C-alpha atoms as a PDB file:
ATOM      1  CA  MET A   1      -6.097  50.311 -68.655  1.00  0.00           C
ATOM      2  CA  LYS A   2      -5.239  46.976 -69.554  1.00  0.00           C
ATOM      3  CA  ASN A   3      -8.450  45.188 -67.171  1.00  0.00           C
ATOM      4  CA  LYS A   4     -10.462  47.750 -69.019  1.00  0.00           C
ATOM      5  CA  ILE A   5      -9.267  46.408 -72.495  1.00  0.00           C
ATOM      6  CA  ILE A   6      -9.769  42.971 -71.213  1.00  0.00           C
ATOM      7  CA  SER A   7     -13.209  43.768 -69.910  1.00  0.00           C
ATOM      8  CA  LEU A   8     -14.035  45.408 -73.072  1.00  0.00           C
ATOM      9  CA  ILE A   9     -12.891  42.165 -75.511  1.00  0.00           C
ATOM     10  CA  LEU A  10     -15.025  39.927 -72.818  1.00  0.00           C
ATOM     11  CA  ASN A  11     -18.113  41.881 -73.044  1.00  0.00           C
ATOM     12  CA  LEU A  12     -17.867  42.018 -76.623  1.00  0.00           C
ATOM     13  CA  PHE A  13     -17.302  38.400 -77.218  1.00  0.00           C
ATOM     14  CA  LEU A  14     -20.324  37.607 -75.082  1.00  0.00           C
ATOM     15  CA  ILE A  15     -21.828  40.118 -77.211  1.00  0.00           C
ATOM     16  CA  PHE A  16     -20.777  38.210 -80.231  1.00  0.00           C
ATOM     17  CA  ILE A  17     -22.046  34.663 -78.645  1.00  0.00           C
ATOM     18  CA  PHE A  18     -25.476  35.796 -77.746  1.00  0.00           C
ATOM     19  CA  THR A  19     -26.189  37.207 -80.732  1.00  0.00           C
ATOM     20  CA  LEU A  20     -25.300  33.750 -82.516  1.00  0.00           C
ATOM     21  CA  HIS A  21     -27.412  32.035 -80.146  1.00  0.00           C
ATOM     22  CA  LEU A  22     -30.237  34.361 -81.138  1.00  0.00           C
ATOM     23  CA  ASN A  23     -29.509  33.805 -85.191  1.00  0.00           C
ATOM     24  CA  ALA A  24     -29.222  30.433 -84.544  1.00  0.00           C
ATOM     25  CA  SER A  25     -32.266  30.252 -82.700  1.00  0.00           C
ATOM     26  CA  GLU A  26     -34.152  32.642 -85.343  1.00  0.00           C
ATOM     27  CA  GLN A  27     -32.767  30.226 -87.842  1.00  0.00           C
ATOM     28  CA  ALA A  28     -34.016  27.174 -86.391  1.00  0.00           C
ATOM     29  CA  TRP A  29     -37.743  28.312 -85.925  1.00  0.00           C
ATOM     30  CA  ASN A  30     -37.525  29.166 -89.721  1.00  0.00           C
ATOM     31  CA  LEU A  31     -36.666  26.076 -90.566  1.00  0.00           C
ATOM     32  CA  ALA A  32     -40.109  24.663 -88.179  1.00  0.00           C
ATOM     33  CA  HIS A  33     -42.256  27.279 -90.215  1.00  0.00           C
ATOM     34  CA  GLU A  34     -41.346  25.675 -93.584  1.00  0.00           C
ATOM     35  CA  GLY A  35     -43.053  22.713 -92.534  1.00  0.00           C
ATOM     36  CA  ASN A  36     -42.518  18.716 -92.898  1.00  0.00           C
ATOM     37  CA  LYS A  37     -40.059  18.792 -89.831  1.00  0.00           C
ATOM     38  CA  VAL A  38     -39.198  16.159 -87.011  1.00  0.00           C
ATOM     39  CA  ILE A  39     -39.140  18.335 -84.185  1.00  0.00           C
ATOM     40  CA  PHE A  40     -38.235  16.386 -81.368  1.00  0.00           C
ATOM     41  CA  ILE A  41     -38.009  17.754 -78.129  1.00  0.00           C
ATOM     42  CA  ARG A  42     -36.178  16.369 -74.783  1.00  0.00           C
ATOM     43  CA  HIS A  43     -39.257  16.290 -71.764  1.00  0.00           C
ATOM     44  CA  SER A  44     -39.315  19.612 -69.561  1.00  0.00           C
ATOM     45  CA  LEU A  45     -36.540  20.022 -66.506  1.00  0.00           C
ATOM     46  CA  ALA A  46     -37.355  17.238 -63.994  1.00  0.00           C
ATOM     47  CA  PRO A  47     -34.565  16.980 -61.583  1.00  0.00           C
ATOM     48  CA  GLY A  48     -32.849  13.806 -61.096  1.00  0.00           C
ATOM     49  CA  GLY A  49     -31.467  11.265 -63.451  1.00  0.00           C
ATOM     50  CA  GLY A  50     -33.417   7.775 -64.620  1.00  0.00           C
ATOM     51  CA  ASP A  51     -36.356   6.875 -62.368  1.00  0.00           C
ATOM     52  CA  PRO A  52     -36.768   4.766 -58.878  1.00  0.00           C
ATOM     53  CA  VAL A  53     -36.245   1.389 -58.923  1.00  0.00           C
ATOM     54  CA  GLY A  54     -39.951  -0.266 -59.501  1.00  0.00           C
ATOM     55  CA  PHE A  55     -41.094   2.759 -60.865  1.00  0.00           C
ATOM     56  CA  LYS A  56     -44.653   2.350 -63.452  1.00  0.00           C
ATOM     57  CA  ILE A  57     -45.430   3.846 -66.231  1.00  0.00           C
ATOM     58  CA  ASP A  58     -49.135   4.234 -65.492  1.00  0.00           C
ATOM     59  CA  ASP A  59     -48.332   5.794 -61.681  1.00  0.00           C
ATOM     60  CA  CYS A  60     -46.805   9.182 -61.702  1.00  0.00           C
ATOM     61  CA  LYS A  61     -46.074   9.018 -58.004  1.00  0.00           C
ATOM     62  CA  THR A  62     -43.431   6.421 -58.792  1.00  0.00           C
ATOM     63  CA  GLN A  63     -41.670   8.557 -61.440  1.00  0.00           C
ATOM     64  CA  ARG A  64     -39.554  11.583 -61.579  1.00  0.00           C
ATOM     65  CA  ASN A  65     -41.335  14.190 -62.579  1.00  0.00           C
ATOM     66  CA  LEU A  66     -41.602  17.771 -63.885  1.00  0.00           C
ATOM     67  CA  SER A  67     -40.401  20.488 -61.214  1.00  0.00           C
ATOM     68  CA  LYS A  68     -42.523  23.916 -60.938  1.00  0.00           C
ATOM     69  CA  LYS A  69     -39.497  24.853 -63.595  1.00  0.00           C
ATOM     70  CA  GLY A  70     -40.239  22.082 -65.798  1.00  0.00           C
ATOM     71  CA  ILE A  71     -43.808  23.135 -65.954  1.00  0.00           C
ATOM     72  CA  ASN A  72     -43.241  26.670 -66.600  1.00  0.00           C
ATOM     73  CA  GLN A  73     -40.473  25.588 -69.356  1.00  0.00           C
ATOM     74  CA  SER A  74     -43.418  23.455 -70.852  1.00  0.00           C
ATOM     75  CA  LYS A  75     -45.685  26.433 -71.148  1.00  0.00           C
ATOM     76  CA  LYS A  76     -42.786  28.532 -72.626  1.00  0.00           C
ATOM     77  CA  ILE A  77     -42.574  26.198 -75.083  1.00  0.00           C
ATOM     78  CA  GLY A  78     -46.217  25.785 -76.561  1.00  0.00           C
ATOM     79  CA  LYS A  79     -46.271  29.803 -76.400  1.00  0.00           C
ATOM     80  CA  LEU A  80     -42.696  29.397 -78.715  1.00  0.00           C
ATOM     81  CA  PHE A  81     -44.618  27.188 -81.034  1.00  0.00           C
ATOM     82  CA  LYS A  82     -47.593  29.964 -81.257  1.00  0.00           C
ATOM     83  CA  LYS A  83     -45.468  32.748 -81.289  1.00  0.00           C
ATOM     84  CA  ASN A  84     -43.461  31.511 -84.138  1.00  0.00           C
ATOM     85  CA  LYS A  85     -46.206  30.360 -85.938  1.00  0.00           C
ATOM     86  CA  VAL A  86     -45.361  26.475 -86.343  1.00  0.00           C
ATOM     87  CA  SER A  87     -47.979  24.725 -87.938  1.00  0.00           C
ATOM     88  CA  ILE A  88     -48.251  20.898 -86.004  1.00  0.00           C
ATOM     89  CA  ASP A  89     -50.012  17.582 -87.398  1.00  0.00           C
ATOM     90  CA  GLN A  90     -49.181  16.191 -84.479  1.00  0.00           C
ATOM     91  CA  VAL A  91     -47.888  16.045 -81.224  1.00  0.00           C
ATOM     92  CA  LEU A  92     -46.690  11.868 -80.158  1.00  0.00           C
ATOM     93  CA  SER A  93     -45.457  11.550 -76.493  1.00  0.00           C
ATOM     94  CA  SER A  94     -43.392   8.532 -74.799  1.00  0.00           C
ATOM     95  CA  GLN A  95     -45.873   7.103 -72.017  1.00  0.00           C
ATOM     96  CA  TRP A  96     -43.503   8.693 -69.208  1.00  0.00           C
ATOM     97  CA  CYS A  97     -45.116  11.541 -67.051  1.00  0.00           C
ATOM     98  CA  ARG A  98     -42.643  13.893 -67.422  1.00  0.00           C
ATOM     99  CA  CYS A  99     -43.244  13.630 -71.191  1.00  0.00           C
ATOM    100  CA  LYS A 100     -46.791  13.396 -71.058  1.00  0.00           C
ATOM    101  CA  ASP A 101     -47.048  16.298 -68.798  1.00  0.00           C
ATOM    102  CA  THR A 102     -44.486  18.457 -71.194  1.00  0.00           C
ATOM    103  CA  ALA A 103     -47.126  17.848 -74.142  1.00  0.00           C
ATOM    104  CA  LYS A 104     -49.894  18.364 -72.220  1.00  0.00           C
ATOM    105  CA  TYR A 105     -48.536  21.934 -70.893  1.00  0.00           C
ATOM    106  CA  ALA A 106     -46.967  23.137 -74.388  1.00  0.00           C
ATOM    107  CA  PHE A 107     -49.888  21.411 -76.779  1.00  0.00           C
ATOM    108  CA  GLY A 108     -52.506  20.371 -74.700  1.00  0.00           C
ATOM    109  CA  GLU A 109     -53.563  17.479 -76.942  1.00  0.00           C
ATOM    110  CA  TYR A 110     -51.185  14.736 -77.744  1.00  0.00           C
ATOM    111  CA  SER A 111     -51.126  10.962 -78.349  1.00  0.00           C
ATOM    112  CA  GLU A 112     -49.028   8.224 -76.650  1.00  0.00           C
ATOM    113  CA  PHE A 113     -46.475   6.322 -79.041  1.00  0.00           C
ATOM    114  CA  THR A 114     -44.051   3.402 -77.022  1.00  0.00           C
ATOM    115  CA  ALA A 115     -41.496   4.245 -79.432  1.00  0.00           C
ATOM    116  CA  LEU A 116     -40.494   7.466 -77.877  1.00  0.00           C
ATOM    117  CA  ASN A 117     -40.285   5.660 -74.117  1.00  0.00           C
ATOM    118  CA  SER A 118     -36.734   5.931 -72.470  1.00  0.00           C
ATOM    119  CA  THR A 119     -34.486   3.306 -72.763  1.00  0.00           C
ATOM    120  CA  PHE A 120     -31.870   4.663 -70.176  1.00  0.00           C
ATOM    121  CA  GLN A 121     -32.226   1.856 -68.001  1.00  0.00           C
ATOM    122  CA  SER A 122     -32.949  -1.615 -67.176  1.00  0.00           C
ATOM    123  CA  PRO A 123     -35.429  -3.385 -68.208  1.00  0.00           C
ATOM    124  CA  PHE A 124     -36.473  -0.746 -70.815  1.00  0.00           C
ATOM    125  CA  ASP A 125     -32.706  -0.511 -72.849  1.00  0.00           C
ATOM    126  CA  LYS A 126     -34.023  -4.119 -74.182  1.00  0.00           C
ATOM    127  CA  LYS A 127     -36.690  -2.531 -75.706  1.00  0.00           C
ATOM    128  CA  GLU A 128     -34.398  -0.077 -77.363  1.00  0.00           C
ATOM    129  CA  GLY A 129     -34.049  -2.254 -81.084  1.00  0.00           C
ATOM    130  CA  LYS A 130     -37.464  -2.306 -81.552  1.00  0.00           C
ATOM    131  CA  GLN A 131     -38.489   1.011 -80.611  1.00  0.00           C
ATOM    132  CA  LEU A 132     -36.198   2.769 -83.243  1.00  0.00           C
ATOM    133  CA  LYS A 133     -37.451   0.572 -85.560  1.00  0.00           C
ATOM    134  CA  ASP A 134     -41.014   1.675 -84.978  1.00  0.00           C
ATOM    135  CA  LEU A 135     -39.993   5.406 -85.282  1.00  0.00           C
ATOM    136  CA  TYR A 136     -37.698   4.944 -88.312  1.00  0.00           C
ATOM    137  CA  ASN A 137     -40.927   3.449 -89.899  1.00  0.00           C
ATOM    138  CA  TYR A 138     -43.327   5.681 -88.602  1.00  0.00           C
ATOM    139  CA  VAL A 139     -41.450   9.013 -89.527  1.00  0.00           C
ATOM    140  CA  ARG A 140     -40.785   7.398 -93.046  1.00  0.00           C
ATOM    141  CA  LYS A 141     -44.447   7.011 -93.865  1.00  0.00           C
ATOM    142  CA  TRP A 142     -45.699   9.886 -92.111  1.00  0.00           C
ATOM    143  CA  ASP A 143     -46.559  12.565 -94.458  1.00  0.00           C
ATOM    144  CA  GLY A 144     -47.102  16.115 -92.658  1.00  0.00           C
ATOM    145  CA  ASN A 145     -48.488  18.033 -95.950  1.00  0.00           C
ATOM    146  CA  GLY A 146     -46.584  21.500 -94.634  1.00  0.00           C
ATOM    147  CA  LYS A 147     -46.593  21.009 -90.953  1.00  0.00           C
ATOM    148  CA  ASN A 148     -44.854  19.379 -88.824  1.00  0.00           C
ATOM    149  CA  LEU A 149     -44.451  16.142 -86.426  1.00  0.00           C
ATOM    150  CA  VAL A 150     -43.620  16.922 -82.737  1.00  0.00           C
ATOM    151  CA  LEU A 151     -41.771  14.395 -80.785  1.00  0.00           C
ATOM    152  CA  ILE A 152     -41.710  14.869 -76.956  1.00  0.00           C
ATOM    153  CA  THR A 153     -39.205  11.700 -75.949  1.00  0.00           C
ATOM    154  CA  HIS A 154     -36.149  11.276 -73.538  1.00  0.00           C
ATOM    155  CA  TYR A 155     -32.047  12.143 -74.260  1.00  0.00           C
ATOM    156  CA  SER A 156     -31.621   8.598 -75.068  1.00  0.00           C
ATOM    157  CA  ILE A 157     -34.039   8.189 -77.840  1.00  0.00           C
ATOM    158  CA  ILE A 158     -33.047  11.841 -79.160  1.00  0.00           C
ATOM    159  CA  THR A 159     -29.544  11.095 -79.016  1.00  0.00           C
ATOM    160  CA  ALA A 160     -30.259   7.376 -80.638  1.00  0.00           C
ATOM    161  CA  VAL A 161     -31.509   8.783 -83.720  1.00  0.00           C
ATOM    162  CA  THR A 162     -29.697  11.936 -84.460  1.00  0.00           C
ATOM    163  CA  ASN A 163     -26.096  12.013 -82.232  1.00  0.00           C
ATOM    164  CA  ALA A 164     -27.596  15.340 -80.306  1.00  0.00           C
ATOM    165  CA  VAL A 165     -27.684  15.459 -76.736  1.00  0.00           C
ATOM    166  CA  PRO A 166     -30.248  17.671 -76.151  1.00  0.00           C
ATOM    167  CA  SER A 167     -30.617  19.314 -72.492  1.00  0.00           C
ATOM    168  CA  SER A 168     -33.922  19.298 -70.569  1.00  0.00           C
ATOM    169  CA  GLY A 169     -36.548  21.134 -73.106  1.00  0.00           C
ATOM    170  CA  GLU A 170     -34.041  21.845 -75.714  1.00  0.00           C
ATOM    171  CA  ILE A 171     -36.034  21.318 -79.372  1.00  0.00           C
ATOM    172  CA  VAL A 172     -34.244  19.330 -82.005  1.00  0.00           C
ATOM    173  CA  ILE A 173     -35.141  19.949 -85.591  1.00  0.00           C
ATOM    174  CA  ALA A 174     -34.218  17.512 -88.376  1.00  0.00           C
ATOM    175  CA  ASP A 175     -35.707  16.417 -91.471  1.00  0.00           C
ATOM    176  CA  LYS A 176     -37.597  12.916 -92.055  1.00  0.00           C
ATOM    177  CA  ASN A 177     -33.543  11.451 -92.569  1.00  0.00           C
ATOM    178  CA  PHE A 178     -33.130  12.348 -88.753  1.00  0.00           C
ATOM    179  CA  LYS A 179     -30.218  14.630 -89.998  1.00  0.00           C
ATOM    180  CA  VAL A 180     -30.132  17.600 -87.517  1.00  0.00           C
ATOM    181  CA  LEU A 181     -31.007  21.142 -89.140  1.00  0.00           C
ATOM    182  CA  GLY A 182     -31.104  23.044 -86.114  1.00  0.00           C
ATOM    183  CA  THR A 183     -31.460  23.245 -81.996  1.00  0.00           C
ATOM    184  CA  ILE A 184     -33.180  25.783 -79.617  1.00  0.00           C
ATOM    185  CA  GLN A 185     -32.697  26.161 -75.843  1.00  0.00           C
ATOM    186  CA  THR A 186     -36.068  26.864 -73.767  1.00  0.00           C
ATOM    187  CA  ASP A 187     -34.235  27.285 -70.465  1.00  0.00           C
END
């Protein structure tokens, strides 16, 4: 009897957590639907961490890239934006291949924006101050006219401006002051 009660309580707790997660995602999509939000997306799943020594931004073969699961996750992100009728003003991406591929599979069209490049490892970590200044200036001047700005980047950039620590493919919805309004998991 005691085991049945514990099992019932555990199941109710899991249902409660699942319901909270669904409600949080629904609220976040509603915020995005309103427009004029800055929507950060951490690149989809690219197994490993950092990049190999000596990698080149213009040579995807030298970088950590999306896995098959990451490609599917990117496609899912695009479908979620369509399903939730989220208007997009523009999609900007880091120059890293895993970000550009996330943008390509999710949205098709995008532009590269160097301010979104990773600052995780040397020598790119030395550019963080300039990149963040460029990002702040861009967003300050941006006028979405009711649409959203989608920024596909790395956790190092998202964390630096929002204090959020997103997982691969996670969507972080913020206002123009980079205040996090909601997050959406896409795994």
